[in-house]
Amino acid sequence: MPDMKKYEQILDALQQLLENAAIQSISVSDIAKQAGMGKGSIYYYFPSKEAILDALIERNYELPLKTAKKLAAQTEISPFTRMAMILQACRTSSAAFLSRGSTDSSAGTNAQNSAFLQQKYMNHLISELKPALTEIIKQGIESGEIHFEYPAALAEIVLIVLAVKLNNTFLSSTAEDSEDTIRGLVSLLEKGTGIPEGTLNYLNMSMELL
């Protein structure tokens, strides 16, 4: 039976190595050495370095994903409030993970890792949160609070904008530019879904923190 302590130890080891080395240069042997175990033990838990990285990303998004699934079932809460809570949980987890190593002396290494990790985050964020966010939007449509024919598409649009705002590597922008983008998105969402202006204030405030 797998030892969860060792499993977490392996993820911690990769996390620590990423603070000082580019992901491409890190080997399974490096991770094993950092974790204080044999290389064979690593392969007992993971088939490859890529699998370890994916698990590390999943671990850092565990809280917002649990939050999203829980909120999807809480129909007594406004769908807009639940959307904002999901995005805020996601933002908090991303910021905490990506800030580690940000003070490292190797700026080039950090930039390289940041770009790679941000891409992985974007894929994970959109694919994992989309079902829960889609369900919340569907509930808003059924209750008459949201008027829109494509709930899955709407969820994806919101998540793509969120992912880009979390990732200043792909589209560098000032704080003012980001705020304008968020205000524009909120305005489009309100007009496109037929809800009163100002309804998405919770969503607006949550995304302005990104």
C-alpha atoms as a PDB file:
ATOM      1  CA  MET A   1       0.000   0.000   0.000  1.00  0.00           C
ATOM      2  CA  PRO A   2       1.433   3.418  -0.984  1.00  0.00           C
ATOM      3  CA  ASP A   3       2.846   5.525   1.833  1.00  0.00           C
ATOM      4  CA  MET A   4       1.166   8.944   1.547  1.00  0.00           C
ATOM      5  CA  LYS A   5       3.952  10.538   3.565  1.00  0.00           C
ATOM      6  CA  LYS A   6       6.483   9.483   0.936  1.00  0.00           C
ATOM      7  CA  TYR A   7       4.113  10.571  -1.829  1.00  0.00           C
ATOM      8  CA  GLU A   8       3.948  14.060  -0.349  1.00  0.00           C
ATOM      9  CA  GLN A   9       7.698  13.987   0.243  1.00  0.00           C
ATOM     10  CA  ILE A  10       8.274  13.501  -3.481  1.00  0.00           C
ATOM     11  CA  LEU A  11       6.014  16.434  -4.358  1.00  0.00           C
ATOM     12  CA  ASP A  12       7.761  18.606  -1.783  1.00  0.00           C
ATOM     13  CA  ALA A  13      11.122  17.670  -3.271  1.00  0.00           C
ATOM     14  CA  LEU A  14      10.108  18.815  -6.752  1.00  0.00           C
ATOM     15  CA  GLN A  15       8.617  21.981  -5.287  1.00  0.00           C
ATOM     16  CA  GLN A  16      11.937  22.771  -3.610  1.00  0.00           C
ATOM     17  CA  LEU A  17      14.003  21.999  -6.714  1.00  0.00           C
ATOM     18  CA  LEU A  18      11.875  24.341  -8.814  1.00  0.00           C
ATOM     19  CA  GLU A  19      13.033  27.235  -6.663  1.00  0.00           C
ATOM     20  CA  ASN A  20      16.587  26.945  -7.974  1.00  0.00           C
ATOM     21  CA  ALA A  21      16.529  25.026 -11.253  1.00  0.00           C
ATOM     22  CA  ALA A  22      14.633  25.005 -14.536  1.00  0.00           C
ATOM     23  CA  ILE A  23      12.062  22.234 -14.766  1.00  0.00           C
ATOM     24  CA  GLN A  24      13.692  20.888 -17.932  1.00  0.00           C
ATOM     25  CA  SER A  25      16.998  20.344 -16.125  1.00  0.00           C
ATOM     26  CA  ILE A  26      15.498  18.467 -13.162  1.00  0.00           C
ATOM     27  CA  SER A  27      15.712  14.682 -13.386  1.00  0.00           C
ATOM     28  CA  VAL A  28      13.974  11.909 -11.491  1.00  0.00           C
ATOM     29  CA  SER A  29      17.342  11.223  -9.847  1.00  0.00           C
ATOM     30  CA  ASP A  30      17.483  14.835  -8.644  1.00  0.00           C
ATOM     31  CA  ILE A  31      14.001  14.506  -7.156  1.00  0.00           C
ATOM     32  CA  ALA A  32      14.940  11.225  -5.464  1.00  0.00           C
ATOM     33  CA  LYS A  33      18.060  12.764  -3.961  1.00  0.00           C
ATOM     34  CA  GLN A  34      16.138  15.809  -2.728  1.00  0.00           C
ATOM     35  CA  ALA A  35      13.462  13.552  -1.238  1.00  0.00           C
ATOM     36  CA  GLY A  36      16.062  11.362   0.458  1.00  0.00           C
ATOM     37  CA  MET A  37      15.015   8.122  -1.197  1.00  0.00           C
ATOM     38  CA  GLY A  38      16.086   5.809  -3.993  1.00  0.00           C
ATOM     39  CA  LYS A  39      15.164   6.419  -7.629  1.00  0.00           C
ATOM     40  CA  GLY A  40      13.257   3.139  -7.679  1.00  0.00           C
ATOM     41  CA  SER A  41      11.000   4.419  -4.905  1.00  0.00           C
ATOM     42  CA  ILE A  42      10.031   7.385  -7.061  1.00  0.00           C
ATOM     43  CA  TYR A  43       8.832   5.090  -9.847  1.00  0.00           C
ATOM     44  CA  TYR A  44       6.730   3.143  -7.356  1.00  0.00           C
ATOM     45  CA  TYR A  45       4.612   6.274  -6.955  1.00  0.00           C
ATOM     46  CA  PHE A  46       4.993   8.008 -10.318  1.00  0.00           C
ATOM     47  CA  PRO A  47       5.736   6.749 -13.847  1.00  0.00           C
ATOM     48  CA  SER A  48       7.619   9.919 -14.874  1.00  0.00           C
ATOM     49  CA  LYS A  49       8.782  13.389 -13.899  1.00  0.00           C
ATOM     50  CA  GLU A  50       5.816  14.824 -15.797  1.00  0.00           C
ATOM     51  CA  ALA A  51       3.449  12.813 -13.620  1.00  0.00           C
ATOM     52  CA  ILE A  52       5.078  14.248 -10.494  1.00  0.00           C
ATOM     53  CA  LEU A  53       4.653  17.774 -11.821  1.00  0.00           C
ATOM     54  CA  ASP A  54       0.999  17.146 -12.675  1.00  0.00           C
ATOM     55  CA  ALA A  55       0.404  15.805  -9.162  1.00  0.00           C
ATOM     56  CA  LEU A  56       2.114  18.855  -7.679  1.00  0.00           C
ATOM     57  CA  ILE A  57      -0.169  21.172  -9.624  1.00  0.00           C
ATOM     58  CA  GLU A  58      -3.220  19.129  -8.638  1.00  0.00           C
ATOM     59  CA  ARG A  59      -2.212  19.341  -4.987  1.00  0.00           C
ATOM     60  CA  ASN A  60      -1.996  23.116  -5.118  1.00  0.00           C
ATOM     61  CA  TYR A  61      -5.442  23.325  -6.696  1.00  0.00           C
ATOM     62  CA  GLU A  62      -7.020  20.768  -4.359  1.00  0.00           C
ATOM     63  CA  LEU A  63      -8.693  23.416  -2.172  1.00  0.00           C
ATOM     64  CA  PRO A  64     -10.365  25.470  -4.939  1.00  0.00           C
ATOM     65  CA  LEU A  65     -11.522  22.287  -6.678  1.00  0.00           C
ATOM     66  CA  LYS A  66     -13.127  21.012  -3.476  1.00  0.00           C
ATOM     67  CA  THR A  67     -14.626  24.447  -2.954  1.00  0.00           C
ATOM     68  CA  ALA A  68     -16.052  24.445  -6.488  1.00  0.00           C
ATOM     69  CA  LYS A  69     -17.677  21.026  -6.138  1.00  0.00           C
ATOM     70  CA  LYS A  70     -19.151  21.933  -2.762  1.00  0.00           C
ATOM     71  CA  LEU A  71     -20.508  25.264  -3.986  1.00  0.00           C
ATOM     72  CA  ALA A  72     -22.098  23.670  -7.044  1.00  0.00           C
ATOM     73  CA  ALA A  73     -24.490  21.892  -4.684  1.00  0.00           C
ATOM     74  CA  GLN A  74     -25.328  24.906  -2.518  1.00  0.00           C
ATOM     75  CA  THR A  75     -28.279  26.213  -4.501  1.00  0.00           C
ATOM     76  CA  GLU A  76     -29.414  28.468  -1.654  1.00  0.00           C
ATOM     77  CA  ILE A  77     -26.454  30.770  -2.401  1.00  0.00           C
ATOM     78  CA  SER A  78     -26.628  33.155  -5.374  1.00  0.00           C
ATOM     79  CA  PRO A  79     -24.827  31.703  -8.429  1.00  0.00           C
ATOM     80  CA  PHE A  80     -22.860  34.934  -8.778  1.00  0.00           C
ATOM     81  CA  THR A  81     -21.623  34.756  -5.202  1.00  0.00           C
ATOM     82  CA  ARG A  82     -20.587  31.139  -5.718  1.00  0.00           C
ATOM     83  CA  MET A  83     -18.749  32.048  -8.915  1.00  0.00           C
ATOM     84  CA  ALA A  84     -16.822  34.770  -7.097  1.00  0.00           C
ATOM     85  CA  MET A  85     -15.937  32.414  -4.236  1.00  0.00           C
ATOM     86  CA  ILE A  86     -14.576  29.815  -6.658  1.00  0.00           C
ATOM     87  CA  LEU A  87     -12.449  32.365  -8.507  1.00  0.00           C
ATOM     88  CA  GLN A  88     -11.123  33.806  -5.260  1.00  0.00           C
ATOM     89  CA  ALA A  89     -10.149  30.352  -3.965  1.00  0.00           C
ATOM     90  CA  CYS A  90      -8.395  29.685  -7.254  1.00  0.00           C
ATOM     91  CA  ARG A  91      -6.566  33.007  -7.148  1.00  0.00           C
ATOM     92  CA  THR A  92      -5.355  32.416  -3.593  1.00  0.00           C
ATOM     93  CA  SER A  93      -3.967  28.964  -4.378  1.00  0.00           C
ATOM     94  CA  SER A  94      -2.237  30.151  -7.549  1.00  0.00           C
ATOM     95  CA  ALA A  95      -0.663  33.174  -5.905  1.00  0.00           C
ATOM     96  CA  ALA A  96       0.642  31.140  -2.977  1.00  0.00           C
ATOM     97  CA  PHE A  97       2.223  28.501  -5.183  1.00  0.00           C
ATOM     98  CA  LEU A  98       3.742  30.825  -7.773  1.00  0.00           C
ATOM     99  CA  SER A  99       5.173  33.219  -5.183  1.00  0.00           C
ATOM    100  CA  ARG A 100       7.444  30.478  -3.852  1.00  0.00           C
ATOM    101  CA  GLY A 101      10.874  30.965  -5.270  1.00  0.00           C
ATOM    102  CA  SER A 102      10.012  34.439  -6.554  1.00  0.00           C
ATOM    103  CA  THR A 103      12.844  35.906  -4.479  1.00  0.00           C
ATOM    104  CA  ASP A 104      15.386  33.406  -5.778  1.00  0.00           C
ATOM    105  CA  SER A 105      18.572  34.991  -7.167  1.00  0.00           C
ATOM    106  CA  SER A 106      18.248  33.200 -10.513  1.00  0.00           C
ATOM    107  CA  ALA A 107      15.761  35.430 -12.294  1.00  0.00           C
ATOM    108  CA  GLY A 108      16.139  33.612 -15.610  1.00  0.00           C
ATOM    109  CA  THR A 109      15.369  30.262 -14.028  1.00  0.00           C
ATOM    110  CA  ASN A 110      12.324  31.668 -12.256  1.00  0.00           C
ATOM    111  CA  ALA A 111      10.989  33.228 -15.447  1.00  0.00           C
ATOM    112  CA  GLN A 112      11.441  29.971 -17.339  1.00  0.00           C
ATOM    113  CA  ASN A 113       9.714  27.921 -14.658  1.00  0.00           C
ATOM    114  CA  SER A 114       6.973  30.490 -14.242  1.00  0.00           C
ATOM    115  CA  ALA A 115       6.044  30.428 -17.935  1.00  0.00           C
ATOM    116  CA  PHE A 116       5.981  26.624 -18.009  1.00  0.00           C
ATOM    117  CA  LEU A 117       4.033  26.263 -14.765  1.00  0.00           C
ATOM    118  CA  GLN A 118       1.556  28.941 -15.756  1.00  0.00           C
ATOM    119  CA  GLN A 119       0.724  27.023 -18.929  1.00  0.00           C
ATOM    120  CA  LYS A 120       0.170  23.857 -16.900  1.00  0.00           C
ATOM    121  CA  TYR A 121      -1.990  25.818 -14.470  1.00  0.00           C
ATOM    122  CA  MET A 122      -4.140  27.234 -17.252  1.00  0.00           C
ATOM    123  CA  ASN A 123      -4.875  23.792 -18.672  1.00  0.00           C
ATOM    124  CA  HIS A 124      -5.635  22.333 -15.252  1.00  0.00           C
ATOM    125  CA  LEU A 125      -7.710  25.297 -14.145  1.00  0.00           C
ATOM    126  CA  ILE A 126      -9.977  25.327 -17.178  1.00  0.00           C
ATOM    127  CA  SER A 127     -10.471  21.569 -17.482  1.00  0.00           C
ATOM    128  CA  GLU A 128     -11.079  20.920 -13.777  1.00  0.00           C
ATOM    129  CA  LEU A 129     -13.176  23.936 -12.813  1.00  0.00           C
ATOM    130  CA  LYS A 130     -15.317  24.117 -15.960  1.00  0.00           C
ATOM    131  CA  PRO A 131     -17.821  21.348 -14.969  1.00  0.00           C
ATOM    132  CA  ALA A 132     -18.558  22.899 -11.553  1.00  0.00           C
ATOM    133  CA  LEU A 133     -18.834  26.423 -12.925  1.00  0.00           C
ATOM    134  CA  THR A 134     -21.060  25.189 -15.762  1.00  0.00           C
ATOM    135  CA  GLU A 135     -23.370  23.534 -13.237  1.00  0.00           C
ATOM    136  CA  ILE A 136     -23.656  26.754 -11.227  1.00  0.00           C
ATOM    137  CA  ILE A 137     -24.517  28.726 -14.366  1.00  0.00           C
ATOM    138  CA  LYS A 138     -27.113  26.105 -15.342  1.00  0.00           C
ATOM    139  CA  GLN A 139     -28.715  26.503 -11.929  1.00  0.00           C
ATOM    140  CA  GLY A 140     -28.816  30.273 -12.456  1.00  0.00           C
ATOM    141  CA  ILE A 141     -30.516  29.726 -15.813  1.00  0.00           C
ATOM    142  CA  GLU A 142     -33.083  27.356 -14.300  1.00  0.00           C
ATOM    143  CA  SER A 143     -33.886  29.819 -11.507  1.00  0.00           C
ATOM    144  CA  GLY A 144     -34.301  32.663 -13.985  1.00  0.00           C
ATOM    145  CA  GLU A 145     -31.346  34.668 -12.641  1.00  0.00           C
ATOM    146  CA  ILE A 146     -29.246  34.097 -15.764  1.00  0.00           C
ATOM    147  CA  HIS A 147     -30.476  34.198 -19.364  1.00  0.00           C
ATOM    148  CA  PHE A 148     -28.021  32.424 -21.640  1.00  0.00           C
ATOM    149  CA  GLU A 149     -28.191  29.435 -23.971  1.00  0.00           C
ATOM    150  CA  TYR A 150     -24.643  28.154 -23.642  1.00  0.00           C
ATOM    151  CA  PRO A 151     -23.661  27.616 -19.972  1.00  0.00           C
ATOM    152  CA  ALA A 152     -20.537  25.547 -20.740  1.00  0.00           C
ATOM    153  CA  ALA A 153     -19.275  28.162 -23.185  1.00  0.00           C
ATOM    154  CA  LEU A 154     -19.887  30.931 -20.662  1.00  0.00           C
ATOM    155  CA  ALA A 155     -18.002  29.015 -17.971  1.00  0.00           C
ATOM    156  CA  GLU A 156     -15.079  28.498 -20.331  1.00  0.00           C
ATOM    157  CA  ILE A 157     -14.941  32.168 -21.306  1.00  0.00           C
ATOM    158  CA  VAL A 158     -14.821  33.264 -17.652  1.00  0.00           C
ATOM    159  CA  LEU A 159     -12.111  30.706 -16.836  1.00  0.00           C
ATOM    160  CA  ILE A 160      -9.979  31.632 -19.840  1.00  0.00           C
ATOM    161  CA  VAL A 161     -10.005  35.303 -18.819  1.00  0.00           C
ATOM    162  CA  LEU A 162      -9.223  34.307 -15.233  1.00  0.00           C
ATOM    163  CA  ALA A 163      -6.338  32.098 -16.361  1.00  0.00           C
ATOM    164  CA  VAL A 164      -4.845  34.871 -18.495  1.00  0.00           C
ATOM    165  CA  LYS A 165      -5.111  37.333 -15.616  1.00  0.00           C
ATOM    166  CA  LEU A 166      -3.375  34.832 -13.338  1.00  0.00           C
ATOM    167  CA  ASN A 167      -0.694  34.501 -15.970  1.00  0.00           C
ATOM    168  CA  ASN A 168       1.033  37.780 -16.791  1.00  0.00           C
ATOM    169  CA  THR A 169       3.674  35.790 -18.689  1.00  0.00           C
ATOM    170  CA  PHE A 170       1.548  35.214 -21.788  1.00  0.00           C
ATOM    171  CA  LEU A 171      -0.042  38.642 -21.917  1.00  0.00           C
ATOM    172  CA  SER A 172       1.906  41.245 -19.996  1.00  0.00           C
ATOM    173  CA  SER A 173      -0.294  44.096 -18.832  1.00  0.00           C
ATOM    174  CA  THR A 174      -0.413  46.841 -16.242  1.00  0.00           C
ATOM    175  CA  ALA A 175      -2.763  46.783 -13.274  1.00  0.00           C
ATOM    176  CA  GLU A 176      -4.896  49.420 -15.017  1.00  0.00           C
ATOM    177  CA  ASP A 177      -5.139  47.314 -18.189  1.00  0.00           C
ATOM    178  CA  SER A 178      -6.159  44.281 -16.166  1.00  0.00           C
ATOM    179  CA  GLU A 179      -8.855  46.229 -14.329  1.00  0.00           C
ATOM    180  CA  ASP A 180     -10.220  47.524 -17.647  1.00  0.00           C
ATOM    181  CA  THR A 181     -10.347  43.972 -19.001  1.00  0.00           C
ATOM    182  CA  ILE A 182     -12.179  42.736 -15.915  1.00  0.00           C
ATOM    183  CA  ARG A 183     -14.675  45.596 -16.013  1.00  0.00           C
ATOM    184  CA  GLY A 184     -15.267  44.900 -19.681  1.00  0.00           C
ATOM    185  CA  LEU A 185     -15.833  41.205 -19.030  1.00  0.00           C
ATOM    186  CA  VAL A 186     -18.278  41.914 -16.209  1.00  0.00           C
ATOM    187  CA  SER A 187     -20.191  44.376 -18.408  1.00  0.00           C
ATOM    188  CA  LEU A 188     -20.408  41.832 -21.232  1.00  0.00           C
ATOM    189  CA  LEU A 189     -21.553  39.120 -18.837  1.00  0.00           C
ATOM    190  CA  GLU A 190     -24.296  41.321 -17.394  1.00  0.00           C
ATOM    191  CA  LYS A 191     -25.559  42.468 -20.788  1.00  0.00           C
ATOM    192  CA  GLY A 192     -25.153  39.090 -22.441  1.00  0.00           C
ATOM    193  CA  THR A 193     -26.988  37.186 -19.723  1.00  0.00           C
ATOM    194  CA  GLY A 194     -29.785  39.727 -19.275  1.00  0.00           C
ATOM    195  CA  ILE A 195     -29.146  40.479 -15.623  1.00  0.00           C
ATOM    196  CA  PRO A 196     -29.305  43.920 -13.963  1.00  0.00           C
ATOM    197  CA  GLU A 197     -26.196  46.094 -13.986  1.00  0.00           C
ATOM    198  CA  GLY A 198     -24.223  45.705 -10.762  1.00  0.00           C
ATOM    199  CA  THR A 199     -25.377  42.139 -10.150  1.00  0.00           C
ATOM    200  CA  LEU A 200     -21.854  40.840 -10.695  1.00  0.00           C
ATOM    201  CA  ASN A 201     -20.191  43.128  -8.163  1.00  0.00           C
ATOM    202  CA  TYR A 202     -18.994  40.090  -6.182  1.00  0.00           C
ATOM    203  CA  LEU A 203     -17.435  38.623  -9.313  1.00  0.00           C
ATOM    204  CA  ASN A 204     -15.902  41.973 -10.244  1.00  0.00           C
ATOM    205  CA  MET A 205     -14.272  42.492  -6.840  1.00  0.00           C
ATOM    206  CA  SER A 206     -12.946  38.931  -6.787  1.00  0.00           C
ATOM    207  CA  MET A 207     -11.278  39.215 -10.182  1.00  0.00           C
ATOM    208  CA  GLU A 208      -9.813  42.663  -9.425  1.00  0.00           C
ATOM    209  CA  LEU A 209      -7.649  40.929  -6.808  1.00  0.00           C
ATOM    210  CA  LEU A 210      -5.895  38.852  -9.479  1.00  0.00           C
END
